[in-house]
Protein backbone atom coordinates (compact mmCIF):
# COMPACT_ATOMS: atom_id res chain seq x y z
CA MET A 1 5.23 -53.56 33.46
CA LYS A 2 6.32 -55.07 30.15
CA HIS A 3 4.37 -52.40 28.31
CA ALA A 4 6.05 -49.64 30.37
CA ILE A 5 9.51 -51.01 29.59
CA CYS A 6 8.72 -51.26 25.88
CA ALA A 7 7.39 -47.71 25.87
CA ALA A 8 10.49 -46.43 27.67
CA MET A 9 12.78 -48.26 25.25
CA THR A 10 10.86 -46.90 22.27
CA GLN A 11 11.12 -43.37 23.64
CA TYR A 12 14.85 -43.84 24.35
CA GLN A 13 15.44 -45.17 20.82
CA ALA A 14 13.57 -42.22 19.30
CA GLN A 15 15.66 -39.82 21.40
CA MET A 16 18.90 -41.51 20.33
CA ASP A 17 17.80 -41.42 16.69
CA GLU A 18 17.20 -37.68 17.03
CA TYR A 19 20.66 -37.18 18.61
CA VAL A 20 22.32 -39.09 15.78
CA LYS A 21 20.33 -37.22 13.14
CA THR A 22 21.26 -33.87 14.70
CA ALA A 23 24.94 -34.84 14.95
CA VAL A 24 25.04 -35.90 11.28
CA GLU A 25 23.26 -32.76 10.11
CA GLU A 26 25.59 -30.51 12.14
CA TYR A 27 28.69 -32.29 10.88
CA CYS A 28 27.72 -32.64 7.23
CA THR A 29 27.64 -28.97 6.31
CA PRO A 30 28.77 -28.12 2.78
CA GLU A 31 31.86 -26.39 4.19
CA ASN A 32 32.85 -29.33 6.38
CA LEU A 33 32.22 -31.86 3.63
CA LEU A 34 34.41 -29.85 1.27
CA ALA A 35 37.16 -29.63 3.90
CA VAL A 36 37.07 -33.38 4.61
CA ILE A 37 37.01 -34.26 0.91
CA SER A 38 39.89 -31.88 0.15
CA LYS A 39 42.00 -33.15 3.05
CA ASN A 40 41.49 -36.80 2.13
CA ALA A 41 41.97 -36.22 -1.60
CA LYS A 42 45.27 -34.44 -0.87
CA SER A 43 46.39 -37.29 1.36
CA VAL A 44 45.58 -39.93 -1.24
CA LEU A 45 47.16 -37.92 -4.06
CA ASP A 46 50.33 -37.40 -1.99
CA SER A 47 50.50 -41.14 -1.38
CA VAL A 48 49.95 -42.01 -5.05
CA LEU A 49 52.59 -39.49 -6.16
CA ARG A 50 55.11 -40.91 -3.67
CA ASP A 51 54.38 -44.42 -4.96
CA GLU A 52 54.84 -43.37 -8.58
CA VAL A 53 58.08 -41.50 -7.91
CA GLU A 54 59.40 -44.51 -6.01
CA ARG A 55 58.36 -46.85 -8.84
CA PHE A 56 60.02 -44.55 -11.41
CA PHE A 57 63.34 -44.54 -9.59
CA LYS A 58 63.28 -48.21 -8.57
CA TYR A 59 62.02 -49.85 -11.74
CA GLY A 60 61.62 -47.34 -14.54
CA ASP A 61 63.67 -44.92 -16.62
CA GLY A 62 64.68 -43.05 -13.47
CA ARG A 63 66.64 -46.11 -12.33
CA LYS A 64 68.43 -46.21 -15.69
CA ALA A 65 69.30 -42.51 -15.42
CA VAL A 66 70.65 -42.97 -11.90
CA ALA A 67 72.63 -46.02 -12.98
CA MET A 68 74.18 -44.08 -15.87
CA ALA A 69 75.08 -41.19 -13.55
CA VAL A 70 76.72 -43.59 -11.11
CA ILE A 71 78.63 -45.34 -13.88
CA GLN A 72 79.83 -42.01 -15.28
CA SER A 73 80.87 -40.79 -11.82
CA LEU A 74 82.77 -43.96 -10.99
CA SER A 75 84.37 -44.54 -14.38
CA PRO A 76 87.99 -43.43 -14.73
CA ARG A 77 88.30 -40.29 -16.83
CA GLU A 78 90.91 -39.54 -19.39
CA ALA A 79 93.34 -36.72 -18.61
CA SER A 80 91.66 -34.46 -21.19
CA ASP A 81 88.27 -34.88 -19.48
CA GLU A 82 89.47 -33.70 -16.08
CA PRO A 83 89.06 -30.05 -15.16
CA ALA A 84 92.23 -27.99 -15.04
């Protein structure tokens, strides 16, 4: 009985191994790998670019440029500077 159970389990494990191997081989085609790599690379690059743009405008020269634009917009202008 014990031998029969062990044999059945061994056969079941071999069958499951074959299913997993087949699933991996079917999924990992060159075209699918390229698609997955491209999609994930784009996602990561989008995220990194967003982070860098945010950093530029929060802490870098972009913040200084925005601050200067705000100061210039809010500063009183002389009569000669105003459009006619």
